[in-house]
Amino acid sequence: MCSHAWGCAHRPFGQAETSRRVYAPRMKDLANRTAWITGAASGIGLALAHRLATEGVRLILVDVEAEPLAAAESALRAAGAQVLAIRADVSSATEMAAAAQRAFDTFGTVHILCNNAGVGGGGGPMWQLSDSDWTWAIDVNLRGVTHALRLLLPRLIESGEEGHVVNTASIAGLTSTPFMGPYTATKHAVVALSECLAKELELTGAKVGVSVLCPGFVKTQINTSHRNRPRAADSAPRPLSAAATKFAQVLDQLVNAGIPPERVADDVVRAIKEPRFYILTHPEMKPQVEHRMRQILDEKQPGIDPLFRQLFTGV
């Protein structure tokens, strides 16, 4: 019997129980399930759609870009997939609610939630960013995830069927990258949200697993996501600072040298089936995560990755 409201006498609240087996629902057979994929018209989202189609999964493609979305729908239908394409902005609660209703009306319960849509956000020193830089990143990268969870997850849980949630964060959600303040902050939020969600689903006995995708650099269009940025009063084009200009060049270089999104999609499907919570597509970046954890425990100043320092400063 615990003698404290928030923990037992022998183990303070918050101390890990490493010996207890953690409940993690698995989905070995994905055929005839339905998947919701945001950011589905390109990059990781499109690769996920094609990979899940090979498993016999019905697809709901959600994206803000109409023409690429139509092209993705056409290609997947030609490959024999059952597809519903919905043009929607994940940052809009209204548009997401309408999209969720169309998904239910067409395919019923959604079993696999791939909350993948994301934007780079404003780049450069934080003190030079506008309020809309932050709003844009938060609304897409974080609220896009929470909208889908709020709208789709209750029906899945109530159905009693197996399911899985995959939230796309980033290795930036486990480390900290200078000149990417809004992006990094929102990706840390997605990691924490996913950890909380996994615990809540386990404690309530839901048959729904969770994975958080934390890729390194992938050959996508994340570095040109400003093409979809809504206009705001303070988002008019403005001269970039020297630091922001240099960072944009470094980001282009790293993204263009990234791994193909198809490799990420393979990792995600394996994680759904195993199941696996953290999906780290770049094992070579694990030391960065470990180093950051050591800096936290040692209460030290956060370090800068040597490769990033070299690319940015040239030394």
C-alpha atoms as a PDB file:
ATOM      1  CA  MET A   1       0.000   0.000   0.000  1.00  0.00           C
ATOM      2  CA  CYS A   2       1.443   3.375  -0.970  1.00  0.00           C
ATOM      3  CA  SER A   3       1.939   5.838   1.865  1.00  0.00           C
ATOM      4  CA  HIS A   4       2.149   8.877  -0.426  1.00  0.00           C
ATOM      5  CA  ALA A   5      -0.414  10.265  -2.831  1.00  0.00           C
ATOM      6  CA  TRP A   6       2.031  10.335  -5.757  1.00  0.00           C
ATOM      7  CA  GLY A   7       4.320   7.409  -5.074  1.00  0.00           C
ATOM      8  CA  CYS A   8       5.045   4.537  -2.757  1.00  0.00           C
ATOM      9  CA  ALA A   9       7.289   4.611   0.276  1.00  0.00           C
ATOM     10  CA  HIS A  10       9.967   2.573  -1.463  1.00  0.00           C
ATOM     11  CA  ARG A  11       9.983   4.363  -4.825  1.00  0.00           C
ATOM     12  CA  PRO A  12       9.496   8.127  -5.132  1.00  0.00           C
ATOM     13  CA  PHE A  13       7.097   9.340  -7.808  1.00  0.00           C
ATOM     14  CA  GLY A  14       8.882   9.753 -11.123  1.00  0.00           C
ATOM     15  CA  GLN A  15      11.510   7.058 -10.575  1.00  0.00           C
ATOM     16  CA  ALA A  16      11.588   4.633 -13.474  1.00  0.00           C
ATOM     17  CA  GLU A  17      10.443   1.046 -13.113  1.00  0.00           C
ATOM     18  CA  THR A  18      12.900  -0.541 -15.508  1.00  0.00           C
ATOM     19  CA  SER A  19      12.087  -4.126 -14.549  1.00  0.00           C
ATOM     20  CA  ARG A  20       8.406  -4.051 -15.521  1.00  0.00           C
ATOM     21  CA  ARG A  21       7.493  -5.171 -19.013  1.00  0.00           C
ATOM     22  CA  VAL A  22       5.809  -2.309 -20.841  1.00  0.00           C
ATOM     23  CA  TYR A  23       2.569  -3.153 -22.650  1.00  0.00           C
ATOM     24  CA  ALA A  24       2.870  -2.370 -26.352  1.00  0.00           C
ATOM     25  CA  PRO A  25       0.099  -3.481 -28.732  1.00  0.00           C
ATOM     26  CA  ARG A  26       1.316  -4.835 -32.045  1.00  0.00           C
ATOM     27  CA  MET A  27      -0.296  -4.977 -35.482  1.00  0.00           C
ATOM     28  CA  LYS A  28       1.244  -7.912 -37.321  1.00  0.00           C
ATOM     29  CA  ASP A  29      -1.263  -7.891 -40.160  1.00  0.00           C
ATOM     30  CA  LEU A  30      -2.055  -4.494 -41.652  1.00  0.00           C
ATOM     31  CA  ALA A  31      -4.228  -5.689 -44.520  1.00  0.00           C
ATOM     32  CA  ASN A  32      -7.707  -4.176 -44.712  1.00  0.00           C
ATOM     33  CA  ARG A  33      -6.875  -1.560 -42.103  1.00  0.00           C
ATOM     34  CA  THR A  34      -7.242   2.164 -42.781  1.00  0.00           C
ATOM     35  CA  ALA A  35      -4.412   4.676 -42.494  1.00  0.00           C
ATOM     36  CA  TRP A  36      -4.607   8.454 -42.166  1.00  0.00           C
ATOM     37  CA  ILE A  37      -1.487  10.216 -43.479  1.00  0.00           C
ATOM     38  CA  THR A  38      -0.935  13.958 -43.320  1.00  0.00           C
ATOM     39  CA  GLY A  39       1.674  15.629 -45.468  1.00  0.00           C
ATOM     40  CA  ALA A  40       0.882  12.756 -47.818  1.00  0.00           C
ATOM     41  CA  ALA A  41       1.597  14.411 -51.167  1.00  0.00           C
ATOM     42  CA  SER A  42       5.385  14.378 -50.906  1.00  0.00           C
ATOM     43  CA  GLY A  43       8.403  13.269 -48.913  1.00  0.00           C
ATOM     44  CA  ILE A  44       7.972  10.883 -46.002  1.00  0.00           C
ATOM     45  CA  GLY A  45       4.177  11.046 -46.178  1.00  0.00           C
ATOM     46  CA  LEU A  46       4.066   9.952 -49.816  1.00  0.00           C
ATOM     47  CA  ALA A  47       6.626   7.196 -49.180  1.00  0.00           C
ATOM     48  CA  LEU A  48       4.513   5.977 -46.251  1.00  0.00           C
ATOM     49  CA  ALA A  49       1.431   5.874 -48.460  1.00  0.00           C
ATOM     50  CA  HIS A  50       3.159   3.736 -51.071  1.00  0.00           C
ATOM     51  CA  ARG A  51       4.701   1.441 -48.455  1.00  0.00           C
ATOM     52  CA  LEU A  52       1.412   0.939 -46.587  1.00  0.00           C
ATOM     53  CA  ALA A  53      -0.358   0.285 -49.882  1.00  0.00           C
ATOM     54  CA  THR A  54       1.875  -2.762 -50.369  1.00  0.00           C
ATOM     55  CA  GLU A  55       0.474  -4.074 -47.069  1.00  0.00           C
ATOM     56  CA  GLY A  56      -3.107  -3.818 -48.337  1.00  0.00           C
ATOM     57  CA  VAL A  57      -3.940  -0.741 -46.250  1.00  0.00           C
ATOM     58  CA  ARG A  58      -6.715   1.652 -47.277  1.00  0.00           C
ATOM     59  CA  LEU A  59      -5.313   5.174 -47.509  1.00  0.00           C
ATOM     60  CA  ILE A  60      -6.570   8.592 -46.497  1.00  0.00           C
ATOM     61  CA  LEU A  61      -4.194  11.176 -47.917  1.00  0.00           C
ATOM     62  CA  VAL A  62      -4.323  14.640 -46.359  1.00  0.00           C
ATOM     63  CA  ASP A  63      -2.257  17.516 -47.705  1.00  0.00           C
ATOM     64  CA  VAL A  64      -2.484  21.255 -48.219  1.00  0.00           C
ATOM     65  CA  GLU A  65      -1.052  21.155 -51.776  1.00  0.00           C
ATOM     66  CA  ALA A  66      -3.848  20.275 -54.205  1.00  0.00           C
ATOM     67  CA  GLU A  67      -1.884  19.389 -57.350  1.00  0.00           C
ATOM     68  CA  PRO A  68       0.738  17.111 -55.734  1.00  0.00           C
ATOM     69  CA  LEU A  69      -2.084  15.504 -53.740  1.00  0.00           C
ATOM     70  CA  ALA A  70      -4.008  14.720 -56.912  1.00  0.00           C
ATOM     71  CA  ALA A  71      -0.859  13.263 -58.467  1.00  0.00           C
ATOM     72  CA  ALA A  72      -0.252  11.084 -55.411  1.00  0.00           C
ATOM     73  CA  GLU A  73      -3.855   9.864 -55.465  1.00  0.00           C
ATOM     74  CA  SER A  74      -3.639   9.001 -59.157  1.00  0.00           C
ATOM     75  CA  ALA A  75      -0.362   7.086 -58.774  1.00  0.00           C
ATOM     76  CA  LEU A  76      -1.615   5.088 -55.804  1.00  0.00           C
ATOM     77  CA  ARG A  77      -4.913   4.242 -57.476  1.00  0.00           C
ATOM     78  CA  ALA A  78      -2.979   3.080 -60.536  1.00  0.00           C
ATOM     79  CA  ALA A  79      -1.020   0.777 -58.224  1.00  0.00           C
ATOM     80  CA  GLY A  80      -4.286  -0.752 -56.991  1.00  0.00           C
ATOM     81  CA  ALA A  81      -4.671   1.057 -53.660  1.00  0.00           C
ATOM     82  CA  GLN A  82      -7.975   2.202 -52.166  1.00  0.00           C
ATOM     83  CA  VAL A  83      -7.493   5.944 -51.695  1.00  0.00           C
ATOM     84  CA  LEU A  84      -9.358   8.938 -50.352  1.00  0.00           C
ATOM     85  CA  ALA A  85      -7.521  12.224 -50.971  1.00  0.00           C
ATOM     86  CA  ILE A  86      -8.508  15.271 -48.925  1.00  0.00           C
ATOM     87  CA  ARG A  87      -7.099  18.734 -49.410  1.00  0.00           C
ATOM     88  CA  ALA A  88      -6.888  20.204 -45.896  1.00  0.00           C
ATOM     89  CA  ASP A  89      -4.659  22.428 -43.795  1.00  0.00           C
ATOM     90  CA  VAL A  90      -3.687  20.480 -40.655  1.00  0.00           C
ATOM     91  CA  SER A  91      -3.368  23.732 -38.698  1.00  0.00           C
ATOM     92  CA  SER A  92      -7.104  24.390 -39.118  1.00  0.00           C
ATOM     93  CA  ALA A  93      -9.384  22.713 -36.579  1.00  0.00           C
ATOM     94  CA  THR A  94     -12.344  23.264 -38.905  1.00  0.00           C
ATOM     95  CA  GLU A  95     -10.697  21.727 -41.967  1.00  0.00           C
ATOM     96  CA  MET A  96      -9.381  18.806 -39.949  1.00  0.00           C
ATOM     97  CA  ALA A  97     -12.828  18.102 -38.496  1.00  0.00           C
ATOM     98  CA  ALA A  98     -14.307  18.045 -41.987  1.00  0.00           C
ATOM     99  CA  ALA A  99     -11.515  15.773 -43.192  1.00  0.00           C
ATOM    100  CA  ALA A 100     -12.033  13.366 -40.295  1.00  0.00           C
ATOM    101  CA  GLN A 101     -15.756  13.157 -41.029  1.00  0.00           C
ATOM    102  CA  ARG A 102     -15.057  12.373 -44.697  1.00  0.00           C
ATOM    103  CA  ALA A 103     -12.644   9.659 -43.579  1.00  0.00           C
ATOM    104  CA  PHE A 104     -15.277   8.094 -41.307  1.00  0.00           C
ATOM    105  CA  ASP A 105     -17.963   8.338 -43.973  1.00  0.00           C
ATOM    106  CA  THR A 106     -15.740   6.623 -46.542  1.00  0.00           C
ATOM    107  CA  PHE A 107     -13.795   3.977 -44.626  1.00  0.00           C
ATOM    108  CA  GLY A 108     -15.138   3.955 -41.064  1.00  0.00           C
ATOM    109  CA  THR A 109     -12.668   3.610 -38.196  1.00  0.00           C
ATOM    110  CA  VAL A 110      -9.115   4.789 -38.859  1.00  0.00           C
ATOM    111  CA  HIS A 111      -6.600   2.269 -37.487  1.00  0.00           C
ATOM    112  CA  ILE A 112      -3.235   3.856 -38.306  1.00  0.00           C
ATOM    113  CA  LEU A 113      -2.691   7.563 -37.674  1.00  0.00           C
ATOM    114  CA  CYS A 114       0.424   8.935 -39.359  1.00  0.00           C
ATOM    115  CA  ASN A 115       0.580  12.534 -38.171  1.00  0.00           C
ATOM    116  CA  ASN A 116       3.378  13.518 -40.480  1.00  0.00           C
ATOM    117  CA  ALA A 117       2.752  17.010 -41.860  1.00  0.00           C
ATOM    118  CA  GLY A 118       5.418  19.487 -40.846  1.00  0.00           C
ATOM    119  CA  VAL A 119       7.116  22.738 -41.754  1.00  0.00           C
ATOM    120  CA  GLY A 120      10.581  24.103 -41.118  1.00  0.00           C
ATOM    121  CA  GLY A 121       9.346  27.245 -39.426  1.00  0.00           C
ATOM    122  CA  GLY A 122      11.329  30.450 -39.316  1.00  0.00           C
ATOM    123  CA  GLY A 123      15.095  30.094 -39.510  1.00  0.00           C
ATOM    124  CA  GLY A 124      17.668  32.322 -37.875  1.00  0.00           C
ATOM    125  CA  PRO A 125      18.317  33.784 -34.421  1.00  0.00           C
ATOM    126  CA  MET A 126      15.177  33.642 -32.256  1.00  0.00           C
ATOM    127  CA  TRP A 127      15.250  37.329 -31.434  1.00  0.00           C
ATOM    128  CA  GLN A 128      14.881  38.106 -35.141  1.00  0.00           C
ATOM    129  CA  LEU A 129      11.850  35.878 -35.710  1.00  0.00           C
ATOM    130  CA  SER A 130       8.331  37.246 -35.992  1.00  0.00           C
ATOM    131  CA  ASP A 131       5.278  36.131 -34.056  1.00  0.00           C
ATOM    132  CA  SER A 132       3.909  34.507 -37.201  1.00  0.00           C
ATOM    133  CA  ASP A 133       7.112  32.448 -37.540  1.00  0.00           C
ATOM    134  CA  TRP A 134       6.247  30.823 -34.223  1.00  0.00           C
ATOM    135  CA  THR A 135       2.509  30.578 -34.886  1.00  0.00           C
ATOM    136  CA  TRP A 136       3.035  28.845 -38.225  1.00  0.00           C
ATOM    137  CA  ALA A 137       5.386  26.208 -36.792  1.00  0.00           C
ATOM    138  CA  ILE A 138       3.273  25.543 -33.705  1.00  0.00           C
ATOM    139  CA  ASP A 139      -0.010  25.337 -35.601  1.00  0.00           C
ATOM    140  CA  VAL A 140       1.292  22.862 -38.192  1.00  0.00           C
ATOM    141  CA  ASN A 141       3.901  20.817 -36.321  1.00  0.00           C
ATOM    142  CA  LEU A 142       2.119  20.540 -32.977  1.00  0.00           C
ATOM    143  CA  ARG A 143      -1.554  21.421 -33.389  1.00  0.00           C
ATOM    144  CA  GLY A 144      -1.699  19.340 -36.570  1.00  0.00           C
ATOM    145  CA  VAL A 145      -0.931  16.333 -34.379  1.00  0.00           C
ATOM    146  CA  THR A 146      -3.318  17.233 -31.564  1.00  0.00           C
ATOM    147  CA  HIS A 147      -6.189  17.881 -33.982  1.00  0.00           C
ATOM    148  CA  ALA A 148      -5.845  14.372 -35.430  1.00  0.00           C
ATOM    149  CA  LEU A 149      -5.588  12.712 -32.026  1.00  0.00           C
ATOM    150  CA  ARG A 150      -8.650  14.544 -30.746  1.00  0.00           C
ATOM    151  CA  LEU A 151     -10.723  13.791 -33.842  1.00  0.00           C
ATOM    152  CA  LEU A 152      -9.697  10.245 -34.773  1.00  0.00           C
ATOM    153  CA  LEU A 153      -8.445   8.462 -31.675  1.00  0.00           C
ATOM    154  CA  PRO A 154     -11.702   8.300 -29.636  1.00  0.00           C
ATOM    155  CA  ARG A 155     -13.495   6.277 -32.312  1.00  0.00           C
ATOM    156  CA  LEU A 156     -10.548   3.885 -32.645  1.00  0.00           C
ATOM    157  CA  ILE A 157     -10.357   3.316 -28.890  1.00  0.00           C
ATOM    158  CA  GLU A 158     -14.112   2.825 -28.598  1.00  0.00           C
ATOM    159  CA  SER A 159     -14.060   0.257 -31.425  1.00  0.00           C
ATOM    160  CA  GLY A 160     -11.787  -2.025 -29.397  1.00  0.00           C
ATOM    161  CA  GLU A 161      -9.792  -2.733 -32.547  1.00  0.00           C
ATOM    162  CA  GLU A 162      -6.010  -2.733 -32.799  1.00  0.00           C
ATOM    163  CA  GLY A 163      -4.431   0.490 -33.915  1.00  0.00           C
ATOM    164  CA  HIS A 164      -1.247   2.498 -34.002  1.00  0.00           C
ATOM    165  CA  VAL A 165      -0.285   6.169 -33.908  1.00  0.00           C
ATOM    166  CA  VAL A 166       2.888   7.393 -35.608  1.00  0.00           C
ATOM    167  CA  ASN A 167       3.785  10.999 -34.816  1.00  0.00           C
ATOM    168  CA  THR A 168       6.544  12.496 -36.934  1.00  0.00           C
ATOM    169  CA  ALA A 169       8.979  14.459 -34.805  1.00  0.00           C
ATOM    170  CA  SER A 170      12.679  14.690 -35.707  1.00  0.00           C
ATOM    171  CA  ILE A 171      16.114  14.047 -34.313  1.00  0.00           C
ATOM    172  CA  ALA A 172      15.732  17.761 -33.493  1.00  0.00           C
ATOM    173  CA  GLY A 173      13.135  16.637 -30.952  1.00  0.00           C
ATOM    174  CA  LEU A 174      15.824  14.752 -29.056  1.00  0.00           C
ATOM    175  CA  THR A 175      18.631  17.279 -29.474  1.00  0.00           C
ATOM    176  CA  SER A 176      18.723  21.046 -30.023  1.00  0.00           C
ATOM    177  CA  THR A 177      19.682  22.743 -33.262  1.00  0.00           C
ATOM    178  CA  PRO A 178      20.633  26.436 -33.370  1.00  0.00           C
ATOM    179  CA  PHE A 179      18.755  28.739 -35.737  1.00  0.00           C
ATOM    180  CA  MET A 180      15.794  26.333 -35.834  1.00  0.00           C
ATOM    181  CA  GLY A 181      14.040  27.506 -32.668  1.00  0.00           C
ATOM    182  CA  PRO A 182      10.374  27.065 -33.702  1.00  0.00           C
ATOM    183  CA  TYR A 183      11.029  23.766 -35.453  1.00  0.00           C
ATOM    184  CA  THR A 184      13.100  22.326 -32.623  1.00  0.00           C
ATOM    185  CA  ALA A 185      10.671  23.455 -29.919  1.00  0.00           C
ATOM    186  CA  THR A 186       7.674  21.929 -31.691  1.00  0.00           C
ATOM    187  CA  LYS A 187       9.478  18.665 -32.369  1.00  0.00           C
ATOM    188  CA  HIS A 188      10.447  18.367 -28.689  1.00  0.00           C
ATOM    189  CA  ALA A 189       6.767  18.914 -27.946  1.00  0.00           C
ATOM    190  CA  VAL A 190       5.752  16.109 -30.319  1.00  0.00           C
ATOM    191  CA  VAL A 191       8.187  13.708 -28.641  1.00  0.00           C
ATOM    192  CA  ALA A 192       6.860  14.571 -25.171  1.00  0.00           C
ATOM    193  CA  LEU A 193       3.247  14.410 -26.372  1.00  0.00           C
ATOM    194  CA  SER A 194       3.892  10.967 -27.863  1.00  0.00           C
ATOM    195  CA  GLU A 195       5.490   9.676 -24.669  1.00  0.00           C
ATOM    196  CA  CYS A 196       2.506  10.881 -22.635  1.00  0.00           C
ATOM    197  CA  LEU A 197       0.076   9.373 -25.143  1.00  0.00           C
ATOM    198  CA  ALA A 198       1.763   5.959 -25.004  1.00  0.00           C
ATOM    199  CA  LYS A 199       1.531   5.937 -21.206  1.00  0.00           C
ATOM    200  CA  GLU A 200      -2.097   7.063 -21.215  1.00  0.00           C
ATOM    201  CA  LEU A 201      -3.111   4.380 -23.721  1.00  0.00           C
ATOM    202  CA  GLU A 202      -1.314   1.711 -21.692  1.00  0.00           C
ATOM    203  CA  LEU A 203      -2.844   2.801 -18.379  1.00  0.00           C
ATOM    204  CA  THR A 204      -6.357   2.843 -19.846  1.00  0.00           C
ATOM    205  CA  GLY A 205      -5.969  -0.543 -21.544  1.00  0.00           C
ATOM    206  CA  ALA A 206      -6.450   0.671 -25.122  1.00  0.00           C
ATOM    207  CA  LYS A 207      -5.242  -1.648 -27.885  1.00  0.00           C
ATOM    208  CA  VAL A 208      -3.433   1.202 -29.602  1.00  0.00           C
ATOM    209  CA  GLY A 209       0.331   1.470 -29.913  1.00  0.00           C
ATOM    210  CA  VAL A 210       2.394   4.610 -30.406  1.00  0.00           C
ATOM    211  CA  SER A 211       5.620   5.380 -32.228  1.00  0.00           C
ATOM    212  CA  VAL A 212       7.441   8.673 -32.520  1.00  0.00           C
ATOM    213  CA  LEU A 213       9.469   9.083 -35.684  1.00  0.00           C
ATOM    214  CA  CYS A 214      12.728  10.963 -35.108  1.00  0.00           C
ATOM    215  CA  PRO A 215      14.603  11.003 -38.418  1.00  0.00           C
ATOM    216  CA  GLY A 216      17.794  12.822 -39.194  1.00  0.00           C
ATOM    217  CA  PHE A 217      18.053  14.535 -42.547  1.00  0.00           C
ATOM    218  CA  VAL A 218      15.810  13.056 -45.225  1.00  0.00           C
ATOM    219  CA  LYS A 219      15.641  14.080 -48.871  1.00  0.00           C
ATOM    220  CA  THR A 220      12.293  15.892 -48.698  1.00  0.00           C
ATOM    221  CA  GLN A 221      11.023  19.409 -49.329  1.00  0.00           C
ATOM    222  CA  ILE A 222      11.144  20.495 -45.670  1.00  0.00           C
ATOM    223  CA  ASN A 223      13.694  23.163 -46.572  1.00  0.00           C
ATOM    224  CA  THR A 224      11.196  24.768 -48.977  1.00  0.00           C
ATOM    225  CA  SER A 225       8.112  24.463 -46.771  1.00  0.00           C
ATOM    226  CA  HIS A 226       7.677  28.245 -46.819  1.00  0.00           C
ATOM    227  CA  ARG A 227       5.952  27.687 -50.183  1.00  0.00           C
ATOM    228  CA  ASN A 228       2.843  26.705 -48.208  1.00  0.00           C
ATOM    229  CA  ARG A 229       3.068  29.389 -45.557  1.00  0.00           C
ATOM    230  CA  PRO A 230      -0.108  31.466 -45.110  1.00  0.00           C
ATOM    231  CA  ARG A 231       0.261  35.192 -45.379  1.00  0.00           C
ATOM    232  CA  ALA A 232       0.244  37.104 -42.105  1.00  0.00           C
ATOM    233  CA  ALA A 233       0.577  40.745 -41.258  1.00  0.00           C
ATOM    234  CA  ASP A 234       4.195  40.321 -40.166  1.00  0.00           C
ATOM    235  CA  SER A 235       5.242  37.621 -42.653  1.00  0.00           C
ATOM    236  CA  ALA A 236       5.998  39.862 -45.634  1.00  0.00           C
ATOM    237  CA  PRO A 237       9.376  39.105 -47.235  1.00  0.00           C
ATOM    238  CA  ARG A 238      12.170  40.744 -45.296  1.00  0.00           C
ATOM    239  CA  PRO A 239      15.942  40.705 -45.688  1.00  0.00           C
ATOM    240  CA  LEU A 240      17.545  37.687 -44.042  1.00  0.00           C
ATOM    241  CA  SER A 241      20.289  38.223 -41.522  1.00  0.00           C
ATOM    242  CA  ALA A 242      23.745  36.840 -42.255  1.00  0.00           C
ATOM    243  CA  ALA A 243      23.123  34.033 -39.761  1.00  0.00           C
ATOM    244  CA  ALA A 244      19.762  33.134 -41.308  1.00  0.00           C
ATOM    245  CA  THR A 245      21.231  33.170 -44.810  1.00  0.00           C
ATOM    246  CA  LYS A 246      24.097  30.919 -43.797  1.00  0.00           C
ATOM    247  CA  PHE A 247      21.753  28.558 -41.979  1.00  0.00           C
ATOM    248  CA  ALA A 248      19.507  28.266 -45.049  1.00  0.00           C
ATOM    249  CA  GLN A 249      22.530  27.248 -47.107  1.00  0.00           C
ATOM    250  CA  VAL A 250      23.588  24.658 -44.531  1.00  0.00           C
ATOM    251  CA  LEU A 251      20.041  23.276 -44.308  1.00  0.00           C
ATOM    252  CA  ASP A 252      19.804  22.910 -48.089  1.00  0.00           C
ATOM    253  CA  GLN A 253      23.084  21.036 -48.098  1.00  0.00           C
ATOM    254  CA  LEU A 254      22.065  18.650 -45.330  1.00  0.00           C
ATOM    255  CA  VAL A 255      18.569  17.931 -46.704  1.00  0.00           C
ATOM    256  CA  ASN A 256      19.865  17.328 -50.226  1.00  0.00           C
ATOM    257  CA  ALA A 257      22.336  14.807 -48.813  1.00  0.00           C
ATOM    258  CA  GLY A 258      19.641  13.097 -46.738  1.00  0.00           C
ATOM    259  CA  ILE A 259      18.460   9.511 -46.937  1.00  0.00           C
ATOM    260  CA  PRO A 260      15.572   8.622 -49.262  1.00  0.00           C
ATOM    261  CA  PRO A 261      12.111   8.794 -47.636  1.00  0.00           C
ATOM    262  CA  GLU A 262      11.426   5.216 -48.709  1.00  0.00           C
ATOM    263  CA  ARG A 263      13.952   4.015 -46.125  1.00  0.00           C
ATOM    264  CA  VAL A 264      12.077   5.942 -43.454  1.00  0.00           C
ATOM    265  CA  ALA A 265       8.779   4.407 -44.558  1.00  0.00           C
ATOM    266  CA  ASP A 266      10.262   0.908 -44.207  1.00  0.00           C
ATOM    267  CA  ASP A 267      11.384   1.746 -40.662  1.00  0.00           C
ATOM    268  CA  VAL A 268       7.907   3.000 -39.761  1.00  0.00           C
ATOM    269  CA  VAL A 269       6.130  -0.133 -40.971  1.00  0.00           C
ATOM    270  CA  ARG A 270       8.578  -2.309 -39.041  1.00  0.00           C
ATOM    271  CA  ALA A 271       7.966  -0.203 -35.928  1.00  0.00           C
ATOM    272  CA  ILE A 272       4.188  -0.649 -36.232  1.00  0.00           C
ATOM    273  CA  LYS A 273       4.554  -4.414 -36.504  1.00  0.00           C
ATOM    274  CA  GLU A 274       7.218  -5.003 -33.814  1.00  0.00           C
ATOM    275  CA  PRO A 275       6.133  -2.622 -32.147  1.00  0.00           C
ATOM    276  CA  ARG A 276       8.747   0.024 -31.394  1.00  0.00           C
ATOM    277  CA  PHE A 277       8.207   3.433 -29.809  1.00  0.00           C
ATOM    278  CA  TYR A 278      11.263   5.484 -30.806  1.00  0.00           C
ATOM    279  CA  ILE A 279      12.084   5.276 -34.509  1.00  0.00           C
ATOM    280  CA  LEU A 280      15.626   6.563 -35.015  1.00  0.00           C
ATOM    281  CA  THR A 281      16.431   6.343 -38.715  1.00  0.00           C
ATOM    282  CA  HIS A 282      20.013   7.580 -38.342  1.00  0.00           C
ATOM    283  CA  PRO A 283      21.894   5.380 -35.832  1.00  0.00           C
ATOM    284  CA  GLU A 284      24.983   7.525 -36.300  1.00  0.00           C
ATOM    285  CA  MET A 285      23.138  10.376 -34.567  1.00  0.00           C
ATOM    286  CA  LYS A 286      22.433   8.429 -31.367  1.00  0.00           C
ATOM    287  CA  PRO A 287      25.634   9.721 -29.703  1.00  0.00           C
ATOM    288  CA  GLN A 288      24.231  13.261 -30.013  1.00  0.00           C
ATOM    289  CA  VAL A 289      21.155  12.222 -28.040  1.00  0.00           C
ATOM    290  CA  GLU A 290      23.271  10.451 -25.441  1.00  0.00           C
ATOM    291  CA  HIS A 291      25.578  13.471 -25.144  1.00  0.00           C
ATOM    292  CA  ARG A 292      22.636  15.791 -24.597  1.00  0.00           C
ATOM    293  CA  MET A 293      21.244  13.552 -21.853  1.00  0.00           C
ATOM    294  CA  ARG A 294      24.653  13.522 -20.166  1.00  0.00           C
ATOM    295  CA  GLN A 295      24.838  17.327 -20.337  1.00  0.00           C
ATOM    296  CA  ILE A 296      21.417  17.536 -18.675  1.00  0.00           C
ATOM    297  CA  LEU A 297      22.337  15.156 -15.865  1.00  0.00           C
ATOM    298  CA  ASP A 298      25.669  16.914 -15.370  1.00  0.00           C
ATOM    299  CA  GLU A 299      23.879  20.320 -15.491  1.00  0.00           C
ATOM    300  CA  LYS A 300      26.208  21.663 -18.165  1.00  0.00           C
ATOM    301  CA  GLN A 301      25.952  24.206 -20.959  1.00  0.00           C
ATOM    302  CA  PRO A 302      24.475  22.598 -24.098  1.00  0.00           C
ATOM    303  CA  GLY A 303      27.128  21.776 -26.660  1.00  0.00           C
ATOM    304  CA  ILE A 304      27.095  22.373 -30.404  1.00  0.00           C
ATOM    305  CA  ASP A 305      27.447  19.425 -32.747  1.00  0.00           C
ATOM    306  CA  PRO A 306      30.948  19.563 -34.312  1.00  0.00           C
ATOM    307  CA  LEU A 307      29.623  18.894 -37.821  1.00  0.00           C
ATOM    308  CA  PHE A 308      27.102  21.719 -37.561  1.00  0.00           C
ATOM    309  CA  ARG A 309      29.773  24.055 -36.178  1.00  0.00           C
ATOM    310  CA  GLN A 310      32.074  23.180 -39.076  1.00  0.00           C
ATOM    311  CA  LEU A 311      29.362  23.656 -41.708  1.00  0.00           C
ATOM    312  CA  PHE A 312      28.223  26.933 -40.225  1.00  0.00           C
ATOM    313  CA  THR A 313      31.542  28.533 -39.310  1.00  0.00           C
ATOM    314  CA  GLY A 314      33.895  26.728 -41.670  1.00  0.00           C
ATOM    315  CA  VAL A 315      36.266  25.830 -38.813  1.00  0.00           C
END
